[in-house]
Amino acid sequence: MFNDLPREKLAFLPTPFHRLKNLGNSIGLDELWIKRDDLTGLSFGGNKVRKLEYVLGDARKNKADTLVTVGGIQSNHCRQTAAACAATGLRCILLLGGEEPAHYTGNLLLDRMLGAEMKFYPIDGLMTLNTRLNEVIETLKDFGLNPYAVPAGAEMPVGTIPYAIAMEELLAQTMEEQFMPGKILVPTGTGGTLAGIIIGAHILDLDIDIIGVSVLSDAETTKNRVQNLIARIIDEYPEVCAFKPKINVNDSFIGEGYGILSDGVKTTLDMFAKMDGIILDPVYTGKAGLALIRMALNGDISADTPTVFWHTGGQPALYAYPELGDK
């Protein structure tokens, strides 16, 4: 359906899809599978690489020479944007919320290695930084550049469609394994990945319970963000027929806030690693993994429900959490 969209091929696709037999057995799920978008390839991979293929395609179409985006100090999105720019020869400017640290670690260290220019905003949060994009874009234009703005998490129609396309990839893999998912769990922050998966399921006429595990905002805020993004896509891409989306967001695992590590997430990271050799990140997939385990043990996911855990990457952020090394 979206074959005519401009695209800069960056990702290693299709990403692997396999069963988590040991973890599934330990939490009472007969069919637990994982979609490995942590293995999209570019600079440690992650879900944003899929999105950036089409974002960069659109930027190239508009003859952009500079990408400007925003995120937290340990933003996976910013690291992947920096890598995409390095691979394609574009200038990358990152607007980062928080104090500049004395020592660069994790994603921030990679941003610098990848050649990104960084500006720090100590009083800004992840979403408020979006309001600074227009000002920076206009300043760059005054200097004769042709910049392209990418909001946090590539939360824009062209950055969301790739996950509708990814659902075709997942469907082909599940059909090869001869089963249909009953549930999909995916971490959600700005909401673009969740919105894309919902649109993809609609286009393919799949009846799947898609659960976004929020790591950033309360359920109502996240649902509204996803709803608005889906409406924008329907308006911008007429081939996506209008529909009333079912948006299921679980905000029970935000804990003390975005990026704040809890004991439950620490335990989850250990369980995935020790049982199936899967490394999660402490900000996104760690909280979604905790949701998966708790929901299975509480009976919110029945034992015979084929379940897919969508791994969105982010492991470099582990190195910014020295407390994970505490005994």
C-alpha atoms as a PDB file:
ATOM      1  CA  MET A   1       0.000   0.000   0.000  1.00  0.00           C
ATOM      2  CA  PHE A   2       2.832   2.407   0.783  1.00  0.00           C
ATOM      3  CA  ASN A   3       5.312   1.285  -1.863  1.00  0.00           C
ATOM      4  CA  ASP A   4       5.517   4.731  -3.457  1.00  0.00           C
ATOM      5  CA  LEU A   5       6.702   6.530  -0.311  1.00  0.00           C
ATOM      6  CA  PRO A   6      10.298   7.790  -0.560  1.00  0.00           C
ATOM      7  CA  ARG A   7      12.600   5.666   1.547  1.00  0.00           C
ATOM      8  CA  GLU A   8      16.244   5.551   2.584  1.00  0.00           C
ATOM      9  CA  LYS A   9      17.016   1.900   3.267  1.00  0.00           C
ATOM     10  CA  LEU A  10      18.815   1.592   6.600  1.00  0.00           C
ATOM     11  CA  ALA A  11      17.352  -1.349   8.516  1.00  0.00           C
ATOM     12  CA  PHE A  12      18.153  -5.055   8.426  1.00  0.00           C
ATOM     13  CA  LEU A  13      14.714  -6.464   7.642  1.00  0.00           C
ATOM     14  CA  PRO A  14      12.860  -8.604   8.395  1.00  0.00           C
ATOM     15  CA  THR A  15      13.924  -8.565  12.022  1.00  0.00           C
ATOM     16  CA  PRO A  16      14.074 -11.953  13.781  1.00  0.00           C
ATOM     17  CA  PHE A  17      10.983 -13.490  15.315  1.00  0.00           C
ATOM     18  CA  HIS A  18      11.298 -16.383  17.708  1.00  0.00           C
ATOM     19  CA  ARG A  19       9.835 -18.090  20.725  1.00  0.00           C
ATOM     20  CA  LEU A  20      10.752 -17.306  24.346  1.00  0.00           C
ATOM     21  CA  LYS A  21      10.284 -20.854  25.553  1.00  0.00           C
ATOM     22  CA  ASN A  22      11.997 -20.611  28.952  1.00  0.00           C
ATOM     23  CA  LEU A  23      10.442 -17.334  30.045  1.00  0.00           C
ATOM     24  CA  GLY A  24       7.070 -18.447  28.694  1.00  0.00           C
ATOM     25  CA  ASN A  25       7.211 -21.657  30.724  1.00  0.00           C
ATOM     26  CA  SER A  26       8.212 -19.788  33.885  1.00  0.00           C
ATOM     27  CA  ILE A  27       5.266 -17.355  33.733  1.00  0.00           C
ATOM     28  CA  GLY A  28       2.706 -19.854  32.429  1.00  0.00           C
ATOM     29  CA  LEU A  29       2.386 -18.833  28.769  1.00  0.00           C
ATOM     30  CA  ASP A  30       2.312 -21.675  26.246  1.00  0.00           C
ATOM     31  CA  GLU A  31       3.085 -19.471  23.236  1.00  0.00           C
ATOM     32  CA  LEU A  32       5.304 -16.483  24.060  1.00  0.00           C
ATOM     33  CA  TRP A  33       7.155 -14.960  21.099  1.00  0.00           C
ATOM     34  CA  ILE A  34       9.406 -11.954  20.607  1.00  0.00           C
ATOM     35  CA  LYS A  35       9.751  -9.584  17.642  1.00  0.00           C
ATOM     36  CA  ARG A  36      13.357  -8.389  17.619  1.00  0.00           C
ATOM     37  CA  ASP A  37      13.355  -4.776  16.507  1.00  0.00           C
ATOM     38  CA  ASP A  38      16.379  -4.317  18.727  1.00  0.00           C
ATOM     39  CA  LEU A  39      18.172  -5.957  15.780  1.00  0.00           C
ATOM     40  CA  THR A  40      17.356  -3.462  13.014  1.00  0.00           C
ATOM     41  CA  GLY A  41      21.108  -3.048  12.683  1.00  0.00           C
ATOM     42  CA  LEU A  42      22.062   0.617  12.517  1.00  0.00           C
ATOM     43  CA  SER A  43      24.089   1.720  15.564  1.00  0.00           C
ATOM     44  CA  PHE A  44      22.724  -0.927  17.975  1.00  0.00           C
ATOM     45  CA  GLY A  45      19.334  -0.896  16.213  1.00  0.00           C
ATOM     46  CA  GLY A  46      15.924  -0.124  17.655  1.00  0.00           C
ATOM     47  CA  ASN A  47      12.433   0.673  16.466  1.00  0.00           C
ATOM     48  CA  LYS A  48      13.267   4.175  15.237  1.00  0.00           C
ATOM     49  CA  VAL A  49      15.416   2.806  12.407  1.00  0.00           C
ATOM     50  CA  ARG A  50      12.248   1.624  10.637  1.00  0.00           C
ATOM     51  CA  LYS A  51      10.761   5.097  11.074  1.00  0.00           C
ATOM     52  CA  LEU A  52      13.887   6.941   9.991  1.00  0.00           C
ATOM     53  CA  GLU A  53      13.951   5.114   6.658  1.00  0.00           C
ATOM     54  CA  TYR A  54      10.812   7.021   5.683  1.00  0.00           C
ATOM     55  CA  VAL A  55      11.595  10.206   7.607  1.00  0.00           C
ATOM     56  CA  LEU A  56      14.910  10.492   5.761  1.00  0.00           C
ATOM     57  CA  GLY A  57      13.186   9.606   2.509  1.00  0.00           C
ATOM     58  CA  ASP A  58      10.841  12.539   3.025  1.00  0.00           C
ATOM     59  CA  ALA A  59      13.712  14.786   4.108  1.00  0.00           C
ATOM     60  CA  ARG A  60      15.633  13.916   0.939  1.00  0.00           C
ATOM     61  CA  LYS A  61      12.512  14.593  -1.121  1.00  0.00           C
ATOM     62  CA  ASN A  62      12.421  18.058   0.446  1.00  0.00           C
ATOM     63  CA  LYS A  63      16.160  18.530  -0.250  1.00  0.00           C
ATOM     64  CA  ALA A  64      16.991  18.843   3.434  1.00  0.00           C
ATOM     65  CA  ASP A  65      20.632  19.077   4.484  1.00  0.00           C
ATOM     66  CA  THR A  66      20.079  18.997   8.261  1.00  0.00           C
ATOM     67  CA  LEU A  67      17.873  16.970  10.597  1.00  0.00           C
ATOM     68  CA  VAL A  68      16.854  18.501  13.918  1.00  0.00           C
ATOM     69  CA  THR A  69      15.200  16.374  16.565  1.00  0.00           C
ATOM     70  CA  VAL A  70      14.599  16.282  20.315  1.00  0.00           C
ATOM     71  CA  GLY A  71      14.795  13.807  23.169  1.00  0.00           C
ATOM     72  CA  GLY A  72      16.013  13.056  26.652  1.00  0.00           C
ATOM     73  CA  ILE A  73      19.674  12.747  27.576  1.00  0.00           C
ATOM     74  CA  GLN A  74      19.549   8.978  26.954  1.00  0.00           C
ATOM     75  CA  SER A  75      17.181   9.126  23.976  1.00  0.00           C
ATOM     76  CA  ASN A  76      17.260   6.028  21.766  1.00  0.00           C
ATOM     77  CA  HIS A  77      15.508   8.030  19.071  1.00  0.00           C
ATOM     78  CA  CYS A  78      18.255  10.668  19.065  1.00  0.00           C
ATOM     79  CA  ARG A  79      20.998   8.033  18.892  1.00  0.00           C
ATOM     80  CA  GLN A  80      19.331   6.345  15.929  1.00  0.00           C
ATOM     81  CA  THR A  81      18.736   9.697  14.215  1.00  0.00           C
ATOM     82  CA  ALA A  82      22.406  10.571  14.654  1.00  0.00           C
ATOM     83  CA  ALA A  83      23.382   7.205  13.162  1.00  0.00           C
ATOM     84  CA  ALA A  84      20.995   7.624  10.215  1.00  0.00           C
ATOM     85  CA  CYS A  85      22.455  11.063   9.484  1.00  0.00           C
ATOM     86  CA  ALA A  86      25.993   9.709   9.713  1.00  0.00           C
ATOM     87  CA  ALA A  87      25.110   6.934   7.265  1.00  0.00           C
ATOM     88  CA  THR A  88      23.513   9.317   4.765  1.00  0.00           C
ATOM     89  CA  GLY A  89      25.729  12.384   5.053  1.00  0.00           C
ATOM     90  CA  LEU A  90      23.207  14.717   6.686  1.00  0.00           C
ATOM     91  CA  ARG A  91      23.977  17.132   9.483  1.00  0.00           C
ATOM     92  CA  CYS A  92      22.313  16.166  12.782  1.00  0.00           C
ATOM     93  CA  ILE A  93      21.330  18.557  15.574  1.00  0.00           C
ATOM     94  CA  LEU A  94      19.915  17.167  18.823  1.00  0.00           C
ATOM     95  CA  LEU A  95      17.967  19.244  21.343  1.00  0.00           C
ATOM     96  CA  LEU A  96      18.279  17.343  24.607  1.00  0.00           C
ATOM     97  CA  GLY A  97      16.260  17.838  27.779  1.00  0.00           C
ATOM     98  CA  GLY A  98      18.397  17.927  30.922  1.00  0.00           C
ATOM     99  CA  GLU A  99      21.726  19.119  32.262  1.00  0.00           C
ATOM    100  CA  GLU A 100      24.813  18.297  30.249  1.00  0.00           C
ATOM    101  CA  PRO A 101      26.647  15.636  32.296  1.00  0.00           C
ATOM    102  CA  ALA A 102      30.318  15.825  33.146  1.00  0.00           C
ATOM    103  CA  HIS A 103      30.838  12.407  31.551  1.00  0.00           C
ATOM    104  CA  TYR A 104      29.032  11.114  28.486  1.00  0.00           C
ATOM    105  CA  THR A 105      27.714   7.540  28.776  1.00  0.00           C
ATOM    106  CA  GLY A 106      25.278   5.262  26.964  1.00  0.00           C
ATOM    107  CA  ASN A 107      23.334   6.819  24.108  1.00  0.00           C
ATOM    108  CA  LEU A 108      24.818  10.269  24.750  1.00  0.00           C
ATOM    109  CA  LEU A 109      28.334   8.971  24.201  1.00  0.00           C
ATOM    110  CA  LEU A 110      27.190   7.343  20.968  1.00  0.00           C
ATOM    111  CA  ASP A 111      25.533  10.594  19.832  1.00  0.00           C
ATOM    112  CA  ARG A 112      28.883  12.352  20.116  1.00  0.00           C
ATOM    113  CA  MET A 113      30.760   9.536  18.393  1.00  0.00           C
ATOM    114  CA  LEU A 114      28.229   9.663  15.544  1.00  0.00           C
ATOM    115  CA  GLY A 115      28.964  13.341  14.982  1.00  0.00           C
ATOM    116  CA  ALA A 116      25.716  14.878  16.228  1.00  0.00           C
ATOM    117  CA  GLU A 117      25.689  18.480  17.423  1.00  0.00           C
ATOM    118  CA  MET A 118      23.981  18.723  20.813  1.00  0.00           C
ATOM    119  CA  LYS A 119      22.282  21.516  22.693  1.00  0.00           C
ATOM    120  CA  PHE A 120      21.095  20.940  26.267  1.00  0.00           C
ATOM    121  CA  TYR A 121      17.955  22.399  27.852  1.00  0.00           C
ATOM    122  CA  PRO A 122      18.113  21.807  31.625  1.00  0.00           C
ATOM    123  CA  ILE A 123      14.504  22.750  32.433  1.00  0.00           C
ATOM    124  CA  ASP A 124      12.797  20.978  29.527  1.00  0.00           C
ATOM    125  CA  GLY A 125      11.140  17.565  29.498  1.00  0.00           C
ATOM    126  CA  LEU A 126      10.803  15.153  26.593  1.00  0.00           C
ATOM    127  CA  MET A 127       7.597  16.607  25.172  1.00  0.00           C
ATOM    128  CA  THR A 128       8.120  20.317  25.932  1.00  0.00           C
ATOM    129  CA  LEU A 129      11.238  20.243  23.778  1.00  0.00           C
ATOM    130  CA  ASN A 130       9.028  19.893  20.700  1.00  0.00           C
ATOM    131  CA  THR A 131       8.049  23.551  21.148  1.00  0.00           C
ATOM    132  CA  ARG A 132      11.658  24.579  20.556  1.00  0.00           C
ATOM    133  CA  LEU A 133      11.870  22.951  17.133  1.00  0.00           C
ATOM    134  CA  ASN A 134      10.326  25.798  15.134  1.00  0.00           C
ATOM    135  CA  GLU A 135      12.630  28.402  16.667  1.00  0.00           C
ATOM    136  CA  VAL A 136      15.739  26.360  15.907  1.00  0.00           C
ATOM    137  CA  ILE A 137      14.518  25.542  12.393  1.00  0.00           C
ATOM    138  CA  GLU A 138      13.966  29.236  11.603  1.00  0.00           C
ATOM    139  CA  THR A 139      17.422  30.137  12.930  1.00  0.00           C
ATOM    140  CA  LEU A 140      19.044  27.499  10.741  1.00  0.00           C
ATOM    141  CA  LYS A 141      17.140  28.802   7.712  1.00  0.00           C
ATOM    142  CA  ASP A 142      18.499  32.278   8.449  1.00  0.00           C
ATOM    143  CA  PHE A 143      21.983  30.761   8.158  1.00  0.00           C
ATOM    144  CA  GLY A 144      21.146  29.406   4.711  1.00  0.00           C
ATOM    145  CA  LEU A 145      20.504  25.790   5.674  1.00  0.00           C
ATOM    146  CA  ASN A 146      17.524  23.680   4.658  1.00  0.00           C
ATOM    147  CA  PRO A 147      16.609  21.900   7.922  1.00  0.00           C
ATOM    148  CA  TYR A 148      13.982  19.229   8.529  1.00  0.00           C
ATOM    149  CA  ALA A 149      12.228  18.958  11.902  1.00  0.00           C
ATOM    150  CA  VAL A 150      11.602  15.566  13.509  1.00  0.00           C
ATOM    151  CA  PRO A 151       9.489  15.661  16.687  1.00  0.00           C
ATOM    152  CA  ALA A 152      10.234  13.461  19.692  1.00  0.00           C
ATOM    153  CA  GLY A 153      10.122   9.792  18.738  1.00  0.00           C
ATOM    154  CA  ALA A 154       9.365  10.724  15.100  1.00  0.00           C
ATOM    155  CA  GLU A 155       5.749  11.206  16.222  1.00  0.00           C
ATOM    156  CA  MET A 156       4.547  12.268  12.772  1.00  0.00           C
ATOM    157  CA  PRO A 157       2.576  10.507  10.023  1.00  0.00           C
ATOM    158  CA  VAL A 158       5.609   9.606   7.905  1.00  0.00           C
ATOM    159  CA  GLY A 159       7.292   8.221  11.026  1.00  0.00           C
ATOM    160  CA  THR A 160       4.266   6.129  11.988  1.00  0.00           C
ATOM    161  CA  ILE A 161       3.413   4.424   8.702  1.00  0.00           C
ATOM    162  CA  PRO A 162       6.530   2.179   8.908  1.00  0.00           C
ATOM    163  CA  TYR A 163       4.947   0.260  11.793  1.00  0.00           C
ATOM    164  CA  ALA A 164       1.810  -0.331   9.776  1.00  0.00           C
ATOM    165  CA  ILE A 165       4.150  -1.830   7.174  1.00  0.00           C
ATOM    166  CA  ALA A 166       5.928  -3.808   9.914  1.00  0.00           C
ATOM    167  CA  MET A 167       2.662  -5.572  10.703  1.00  0.00           C
ATOM    168  CA  GLU A 168       2.786  -7.172   7.248  1.00  0.00           C
ATOM    169  CA  GLU A 169       6.225  -8.493   8.149  1.00  0.00           C
ATOM    170  CA  LEU A 170       4.989  -9.856  11.469  1.00  0.00           C
ATOM    171  CA  LEU A 171       1.963 -11.491   9.850  1.00  0.00           C
ATOM    172  CA  ALA A 172       4.162 -13.315   7.346  1.00  0.00           C
ATOM    173  CA  GLN A 173       6.336 -14.608  10.195  1.00  0.00           C
ATOM    174  CA  THR A 174       3.430 -15.787  12.347  1.00  0.00           C
ATOM    175  CA  MET A 175       1.840 -17.536   9.367  1.00  0.00           C
ATOM    176  CA  GLU A 176       5.109 -19.343   8.749  1.00  0.00           C
ATOM    177  CA  GLU A 177       5.025 -20.482  12.386  1.00  0.00           C
ATOM    178  CA  GLN A 178       1.355 -21.437  11.899  1.00  0.00           C
ATOM    179  CA  PHE A 179      -0.295 -19.333  14.556  1.00  0.00           C
ATOM    180  CA  MET A 180      -2.054 -15.985  14.947  1.00  0.00           C
ATOM    181  CA  PRO A 181      -1.194 -13.689  17.873  1.00  0.00           C
ATOM    182  CA  GLY A 182      -3.936 -13.055  20.389  1.00  0.00           C
ATOM    183  CA  LYS A 183      -2.018 -10.248  22.093  1.00  0.00           C
ATOM    184  CA  ILE A 184       0.839  -7.906  21.232  1.00  0.00           C
ATOM    185  CA  LEU A 185       2.628  -5.987  23.978  1.00  0.00           C
ATOM    186  CA  VAL A 186       4.787  -3.013  23.012  1.00  0.00           C
ATOM    187  CA  PRO A 187       6.265  -0.189  25.085  1.00  0.00           C
ATOM    188  CA  THR A 188       4.940   3.240  24.186  1.00  0.00           C
ATOM    189  CA  GLY A 189       6.263   6.716  24.862  1.00  0.00           C
ATOM    190  CA  THR A 190       5.289   9.295  22.268  1.00  0.00           C
ATOM    191  CA  GLY A 191       2.854   6.785  20.729  1.00  0.00           C
ATOM    192  CA  GLY A 192       3.993   6.486  17.127  1.00  0.00           C
ATOM    193  CA  THR A 193       4.939   2.806  17.188  1.00  0.00           C
ATOM    194  CA  LEU A 194       1.665   1.867  18.874  1.00  0.00           C
ATOM    195  CA  ALA A 195      -0.340   3.952  16.390  1.00  0.00           C
ATOM    196  CA  GLY A 196       1.404   2.292  13.455  1.00  0.00           C
ATOM    197  CA  ILE A 197       0.793  -1.218  14.767  1.00  0.00           C
ATOM    198  CA  ILE A 198      -2.901  -0.415  15.281  1.00  0.00           C
ATOM    199  CA  ILE A 199      -3.192   0.953  11.735  1.00  0.00           C
ATOM    200  CA  GLY A 200      -1.383  -2.083  10.319  1.00  0.00           C
ATOM    201  CA  ALA A 201      -3.744  -4.466  12.119  1.00  0.00           C
ATOM    202  CA  HIS A 202      -6.700  -2.488  10.724  1.00  0.00           C
ATOM    203  CA  ILE A 203      -5.383  -2.596   7.152  1.00  0.00           C
ATOM    204  CA  LEU A 204      -4.750  -6.346   7.415  1.00  0.00           C
ATOM    205  CA  ASP A 205      -8.095  -6.949   9.166  1.00  0.00           C
ATOM    206  CA  LEU A 206      -6.445  -8.637  12.145  1.00  0.00           C
ATOM    207  CA  ASP A 207      -8.317  -9.109  15.408  1.00  0.00           C
ATOM    208  CA  ILE A 208      -5.463  -8.780  17.895  1.00  0.00           C
ATOM    209  CA  ASP A 209      -5.462  -7.224  21.352  1.00  0.00           C
ATOM    210  CA  ILE A 210      -2.665  -4.648  21.013  1.00  0.00           C
ATOM    211  CA  ILE A 211      -1.478  -3.321  24.376  1.00  0.00           C
ATOM    212  CA  GLY A 212       0.737  -0.279  24.653  1.00  0.00           C
ATOM    213  CA  VAL A 213       2.639  -0.244  27.945  1.00  0.00           C
ATOM    214  CA  SER A 214       3.140   3.433  28.704  1.00  0.00           C
ATOM    215  CA  VAL A 215       6.512   4.547  30.032  1.00  0.00           C
ATOM    216  CA  LEU A 216       5.875   8.282  29.786  1.00  0.00           C
ATOM    217  CA  SER A 217       2.303   9.531  30.287  1.00  0.00           C
ATOM    218  CA  ASP A 218      -0.957   8.414  31.868  1.00  0.00           C
ATOM    219  CA  ALA A 219      -3.270   6.222  29.805  1.00  0.00           C
ATOM    220  CA  GLU A 220      -5.689   8.983  28.815  1.00  0.00           C
ATOM    221  CA  THR A 221      -2.936  11.313  27.598  1.00  0.00           C
ATOM    222  CA  THR A 222      -1.300   8.508  25.641  1.00  0.00           C
ATOM    223  CA  LYS A 223      -4.597   7.390  24.095  1.00  0.00           C
ATOM    224  CA  ASN A 224      -5.345  10.949  22.971  1.00  0.00           C
ATOM    225  CA  ARG A 225      -1.891  11.268  21.452  1.00  0.00           C
ATOM    226  CA  VAL A 226      -2.296   7.994  19.548  1.00  0.00           C
ATOM    227  CA  GLN A 227      -5.853   8.885  18.472  1.00  0.00           C
ATOM    228  CA  ASN A 228      -4.725  12.263  17.109  1.00  0.00           C
ATOM    229  CA  LEU A 229      -1.836  10.685  15.241  1.00  0.00           C
ATOM    230  CA  ILE A 230      -4.097   8.053  13.661  1.00  0.00           C
ATOM    231  CA  ALA A 231      -6.520  10.807  12.602  1.00  0.00           C
ATOM    232  CA  ARG A 232      -3.659  12.733  10.973  1.00  0.00           C
ATOM    233  CA  ILE A 233      -2.592   9.625   9.066  1.00  0.00           C
ATOM    234  CA  ILE A 234      -6.111   8.936   7.817  1.00  0.00           C
ATOM    235  CA  ASP A 235      -6.275  12.541   6.639  1.00  0.00           C
ATOM    236  CA  GLU A 236      -2.847  12.479   4.975  1.00  0.00           C
ATOM    237  CA  TYR A 237      -3.013   8.976   3.465  1.00  0.00           C
ATOM    238  CA  PRO A 238      -6.456   8.405   1.863  1.00  0.00           C
ATOM    239  CA  GLU A 239      -5.589   4.752   1.253  1.00  0.00           C
ATOM    240  CA  VAL A 240      -6.009   4.204   4.996  1.00  0.00           C
ATOM    241  CA  CYS A 241      -9.772   4.001   5.278  1.00  0.00           C
ATOM    242  CA  ALA A 242     -11.316   5.773   8.253  1.00  0.00           C
ATOM    243  CA  PHE A 243     -11.966   3.524  11.242  1.00  0.00           C
ATOM    244  CA  LYS A 244     -12.571   3.769  14.957  1.00  0.00           C
ATOM    245  CA  PRO A 245      -9.386   2.465  16.549  1.00  0.00           C
ATOM    246  CA  LYS A 246      -9.339   0.439  19.738  1.00  0.00           C
ATOM    247  CA  ILE A 247      -6.495   1.929  21.744  1.00  0.00           C
ATOM    248  CA  ASN A 248      -5.464  -0.119  24.776  1.00  0.00           C
ATOM    249  CA  VAL A 249      -2.881   1.566  27.023  1.00  0.00           C
ATOM    250  CA  ASN A 250      -1.641   0.193  30.336  1.00  0.00           C
ATOM    251  CA  ASP A 251      -0.087   2.925  32.502  1.00  0.00           C
ATOM    252  CA  SER A 252       0.380   0.776  35.619  1.00  0.00           C
ATOM    253  CA  PHE A 253       4.122   0.349  35.119  1.00  0.00           C
ATOM    254  CA  ILE A 254       5.338   3.946  34.763  1.00  0.00           C
ATOM    255  CA  GLY A 255       6.515   3.749  38.357  1.00  0.00           C
ATOM    256  CA  GLU A 256       8.104   6.949  39.631  1.00  0.00           C
ATOM    257  CA  GLY A 257       8.393   8.389  36.141  1.00  0.00           C
ATOM    258  CA  TYR A 258      10.107   8.292  32.768  1.00  0.00           C
ATOM    259  CA  GLY A 259      13.535   6.703  32.896  1.00  0.00           C
ATOM    260  CA  ILE A 260      13.406   6.020  36.642  1.00  0.00           C
ATOM    261  CA  LEU A 261      14.500   2.502  37.468  1.00  0.00           C
ATOM    262  CA  SER A 262      12.467   0.341  39.863  1.00  0.00           C
ATOM    263  CA  ASP A 263      13.235  -2.955  41.591  1.00  0.00           C
ATOM    264  CA  GLY A 264      10.579  -4.638  39.447  1.00  0.00           C
ATOM    265  CA  VAL A 265      12.295  -3.502  36.242  1.00  0.00           C
ATOM    266  CA  LYS A 266      15.685  -4.689  37.568  1.00  0.00           C
ATOM    267  CA  THR A 267      14.195  -8.126  38.217  1.00  0.00           C
ATOM    268  CA  THR A 268      12.622  -8.156  34.750  1.00  0.00           C
ATOM    269  CA  LEU A 269      15.942  -7.344  33.075  1.00  0.00           C
ATOM    270  CA  ASP A 270      17.533 -10.259  34.940  1.00  0.00           C
ATOM    271  CA  MET A 271      14.714 -12.674  34.067  1.00  0.00           C
ATOM    272  CA  PHE A 272      14.789 -11.996  30.321  1.00  0.00           C
ATOM    273  CA  ALA A 273      18.596 -12.215  30.290  1.00  0.00           C
ATOM    274  CA  LYS A 274      19.007 -15.349  32.401  1.00  0.00           C
ATOM    275  CA  MET A 275      16.122 -17.322  30.887  1.00  0.00           C
ATOM    276  CA  ASP A 276      16.403 -16.590  27.166  1.00  0.00           C
ATOM    277  CA  GLY A 277      19.503 -14.440  26.672  1.00  0.00           C
ATOM    278  CA  ILE A 278      17.427 -11.358  25.821  1.00  0.00           C
ATOM    279  CA  ILE A 279      18.776  -7.970  26.924  1.00  0.00           C
ATOM    280  CA  LEU A 280      16.121  -5.332  27.574  1.00  0.00           C
ATOM    281  CA  ASP A 281      16.603  -1.645  28.268  1.00  0.00           C
ATOM    282  CA  PRO A 282      15.705   0.055  31.587  1.00  0.00           C
ATOM    283  CA  VAL A 283      13.465   2.782  30.145  1.00  0.00           C
ATOM    284  CA  TYR A 284      11.106   1.157  27.623  1.00  0.00           C
ATOM    285  CA  THR A 285      11.279  -2.605  27.176  1.00  0.00           C
ATOM    286  CA  GLY A 286      12.119  -3.215  30.830  1.00  0.00           C
ATOM    287  CA  LYS A 287       8.785  -1.725  31.877  1.00  0.00           C
ATOM    288  CA  ALA A 288       6.916  -3.505  29.089  1.00  0.00           C
ATOM    289  CA  GLY A 289       8.594  -6.756  30.116  1.00  0.00           C
ATOM    290  CA  LEU A 290       7.491  -6.197  33.706  1.00  0.00           C
ATOM    291  CA  ALA A 291       3.934  -5.660  32.436  1.00  0.00           C
ATOM    292  CA  LEU A 292       4.113  -8.919  30.479  1.00  0.00           C
ATOM    293  CA  ILE A 293       5.274 -10.913  33.507  1.00  0.00           C
ATOM    294  CA  ARG A 294       2.747  -9.402  35.916  1.00  0.00           C
ATOM    295  CA  MET A 295      -0.148  -9.768  33.460  1.00  0.00           C
ATOM    296  CA  ALA A 296       0.716 -13.420  32.846  1.00  0.00           C
ATOM    297  CA  LEU A 297       1.066 -14.236  36.525  1.00  0.00           C
ATOM    298  CA  ASN A 298      -2.160 -12.365  37.381  1.00  0.00           C
ATOM    299  CA  GLY A 299      -4.116 -14.231  34.712  1.00  0.00           C
ATOM    300  CA  ASP A 300      -4.659 -11.126  32.554  1.00  0.00           C
ATOM    301  CA  ILE A 301      -3.045 -13.108  29.754  1.00  0.00           C
ATOM    302  CA  SER A 302      -4.360 -16.659  29.621  1.00  0.00           C
ATOM    303  CA  ALA A 303      -1.936 -19.538  29.229  1.00  0.00           C
ATOM    304  CA  ASP A 304      -3.220 -20.499  25.774  1.00  0.00           C
ATOM    305  CA  THR A 305      -3.135 -16.983  24.288  1.00  0.00           C
ATOM    306  CA  PRO A 306      -0.362 -16.658  21.680  1.00  0.00           C
ATOM    307  CA  THR A 307       1.454 -13.510  22.792  1.00  0.00           C
ATOM    308  CA  VAL A 308       4.054 -11.356  21.016  1.00  0.00           C
ATOM    309  CA  PHE A 309       6.431  -9.114  22.927  1.00  0.00           C
ATOM    310  CA  TRP A 310       7.695  -6.406  20.551  1.00  0.00           C
ATOM    311  CA  HIS A 311      11.275  -5.527  21.519  1.00  0.00           C
ATOM    312  CA  THR A 312      11.927  -1.908  20.504  1.00  0.00           C
ATOM    313  CA  GLY A 313      15.613  -1.809  21.447  1.00  0.00           C
ATOM    314  CA  GLY A 314      17.386   0.764  23.599  1.00  0.00           C
ATOM    315  CA  GLN A 315      20.051  -1.369  25.284  1.00  0.00           C
ATOM    316  CA  PRO A 316      22.823   1.303  25.153  1.00  0.00           C
ATOM    317  CA  ALA A 317      20.926   3.163  27.898  1.00  0.00           C
ATOM    318  CA  LEU A 318      21.938   0.340  30.268  1.00  0.00           C
ATOM    319  CA  TYR A 319      25.392   1.880  30.541  1.00  0.00           C
ATOM    320  CA  ALA A 320      23.936   5.069  32.023  1.00  0.00           C
ATOM    321  CA  TYR A 321      22.504   3.137  34.998  1.00  0.00           C
ATOM    322  CA  PRO A 322      25.464   2.150  37.215  1.00  0.00           C
ATOM    323  CA  GLU A 323      23.031   1.016  39.925  1.00  0.00           C
ATOM    324  CA  LEU A 324      22.278  -2.025  37.775  1.00  0.00           C
ATOM    325  CA  GLY A 325      25.698  -3.274  38.786  1.00  0.00           C
ATOM    326  CA  ASP A 326      24.899  -3.174  42.496  1.00  0.00           C
ATOM    327  CA  LYS A 327      24.653  -6.555  44.190  1.00  0.00           C
END
